[in-house]
Amino acid sequence: MIKNLVPSLMSNKDLSNFLKKIEQLNQIAELIKNNPSKKFSLSKCKNHDEVIKLTTQWGFDIGKRWGEY
């Protein structure tokens, strides 16, 4: 079976969600820079799922990849 080798373009909705995720990642970076206890909590995470669970508790939504929204 031959697959289509032409990549599909990111939709405007996916682009918007991707940019929101970047903004939230920047906010998390700023948060842990200014809060040693949150940085320590993040450093204890053993995998991606634990990071997502922790940052969700902090009010962030960074678990989805573009195209999954």
C-alpha atoms as a PDB file:
ATOM      1  CA  MET A   1       0.000   0.000   0.000  1.00  0.00           C
ATOM      2  CA  ILE A   2       1.387   3.414  -0.977  1.00  0.00           C
ATOM      3  CA  LYS A   3       0.773   6.177   1.522  1.00  0.00           C
ATOM      4  CA  ASN A   4       0.268   9.795   0.637  1.00  0.00           C
ATOM      5  CA  LEU A   5       3.675  11.418   1.116  1.00  0.00           C
ATOM      6  CA  VAL A   6       2.349  14.974   0.967  1.00  0.00           C
ATOM      7  CA  PRO A   7       2.125  16.275   4.540  1.00  0.00           C
ATOM      8  CA  SER A   8      -1.140  17.854   5.607  1.00  0.00           C
ATOM      9  CA  LEU A   9      -1.096  21.427   6.824  1.00  0.00           C
ATOM     10  CA  MET A  10      -1.831  22.375  10.401  1.00  0.00           C
ATOM     11  CA  SER A  11      -5.340  23.793  10.730  1.00  0.00           C
ATOM     12  CA  ASN A  12      -5.862  27.267  12.181  1.00  0.00           C
ATOM     13  CA  LYS A  13      -7.449  25.651  15.253  1.00  0.00           C
ATOM     14  CA  ASP A  14      -4.445  23.352  15.739  1.00  0.00           C
ATOM     15  CA  LEU A  15      -2.070  26.279  15.286  1.00  0.00           C
ATOM     16  CA  SER A  16      -3.978  28.319  17.860  1.00  0.00           C
ATOM     17  CA  ASN A  17      -3.936  25.434  20.351  1.00  0.00           C
ATOM     18  CA  PHE A  18      -0.230  24.837  19.687  1.00  0.00           C
ATOM     19  CA  LEU A  19       0.566  28.499  20.371  1.00  0.00           C
ATOM     20  CA  LYS A  20      -1.517  28.380  23.577  1.00  0.00           C
ATOM     21  CA  LYS A  21       0.489  25.351  24.671  1.00  0.00           C
ATOM     22  CA  ILE A  22       3.755  27.207  24.049  1.00  0.00           C
ATOM     23  CA  GLU A  23       2.431  30.129  26.093  1.00  0.00           C
ATOM     24  CA  GLN A  24       1.527  27.771  28.935  1.00  0.00           C
ATOM     25  CA  LEU A  25       4.956  26.101  28.793  1.00  0.00           C
ATOM     26  CA  ASN A  26       6.545  29.546  29.073  1.00  0.00           C
ATOM     27  CA  GLN A  27       4.299  30.286  32.070  1.00  0.00           C
ATOM     28  CA  ILE A  28       5.362  27.020  33.703  1.00  0.00           C
ATOM     29  CA  ALA A  29       9.015  27.903  33.118  1.00  0.00           C
ATOM     30  CA  GLU A  30       8.477  31.300  34.763  1.00  0.00           C
ATOM     31  CA  LEU A  31       6.525  29.716  37.627  1.00  0.00           C
ATOM     32  CA  ILE A  32       9.234  27.212  38.517  1.00  0.00           C
ATOM     33  CA  LYS A  33      11.922  29.850  38.124  1.00  0.00           C
ATOM     34  CA  ASN A  34      10.211  31.908  40.839  1.00  0.00           C
ATOM     35  CA  ASN A  35       8.950  29.065  43.044  1.00  0.00           C
ATOM     36  CA  PRO A  36      11.577  26.589  44.287  1.00  0.00           C
ATOM     37  CA  SER A  37       8.995  24.199  45.754  1.00  0.00           C
ATOM     38  CA  LYS A  38       7.192  23.882  42.415  1.00  0.00           C
ATOM     39  CA  LYS A  39      10.528  23.382  40.658  1.00  0.00           C
ATOM     40  CA  PHE A  40      11.363  20.633  43.133  1.00  0.00           C
ATOM     41  CA  SER A  41       7.957  18.989  42.600  1.00  0.00           C
ATOM     42  CA  LEU A  42       8.507  19.061  38.850  1.00  0.00           C
ATOM     43  CA  SER A  43      12.009  17.629  39.227  1.00  0.00           C
ATOM     44  CA  LYS A  44      10.558  14.606  41.061  1.00  0.00           C
ATOM     45  CA  CYS A  45       8.437  13.611  38.047  1.00  0.00           C
ATOM     46  CA  LYS A  46       9.663  10.373  36.497  1.00  0.00           C
ATOM     47  CA  ASN A  47       7.901  10.620  33.118  1.00  0.00           C
ATOM     48  CA  HIS A  48       5.751  12.694  30.800  1.00  0.00           C
ATOM     49  CA  ASP A  49       2.498  11.508  32.377  1.00  0.00           C
ATOM     50  CA  GLU A  50       3.593  12.660  35.832  1.00  0.00           C
ATOM     51  CA  VAL A  51       4.546  16.078  34.434  1.00  0.00           C
ATOM     52  CA  ILE A  52       1.127  16.386  32.799  1.00  0.00           C
ATOM     53  CA  LYS A  53      -0.673  15.333  35.987  1.00  0.00           C
ATOM     54  CA  LEU A  54       1.297  17.807  38.115  1.00  0.00           C
ATOM     55  CA  THR A  55       0.973  20.758  35.763  1.00  0.00           C
ATOM     56  CA  THR A  56      -2.746  20.019  35.386  1.00  0.00           C
ATOM     57  CA  GLN A  57      -3.029  20.384  39.166  1.00  0.00           C
ATOM     58  CA  TRP A  58      -1.408  23.789  38.745  1.00  0.00           C
ATOM     59  CA  GLY A  59      -4.089  24.770  36.225  1.00  0.00           C
ATOM     60  CA  PHE A  60      -2.256  24.135  32.952  1.00  0.00           C
ATOM     61  CA  ASP A  61      -3.390  22.036  29.987  1.00  0.00           C
ATOM     62  CA  ILE A  62      -0.276  20.899  28.123  1.00  0.00           C
ATOM     63  CA  GLY A  63      -1.000  17.199  27.656  1.00  0.00           C
ATOM     64  CA  LYS A  64      -2.372  17.202  24.136  1.00  0.00           C
ATOM     65  CA  ARG A  65      -0.297  17.337  20.983  1.00  0.00           C
ATOM     66  CA  TRP A  66      -1.451  19.375  18.009  1.00  0.00           C
ATOM     67  CA  GLY A  67      -4.135  17.528  16.151  1.00  0.00           C
ATOM     68  CA  GLU A  68      -5.464  15.900  19.352  1.00  0.00           C
ATOM     69  CA  TYR A  69      -7.753  18.780  20.371  1.00  0.00           C
END
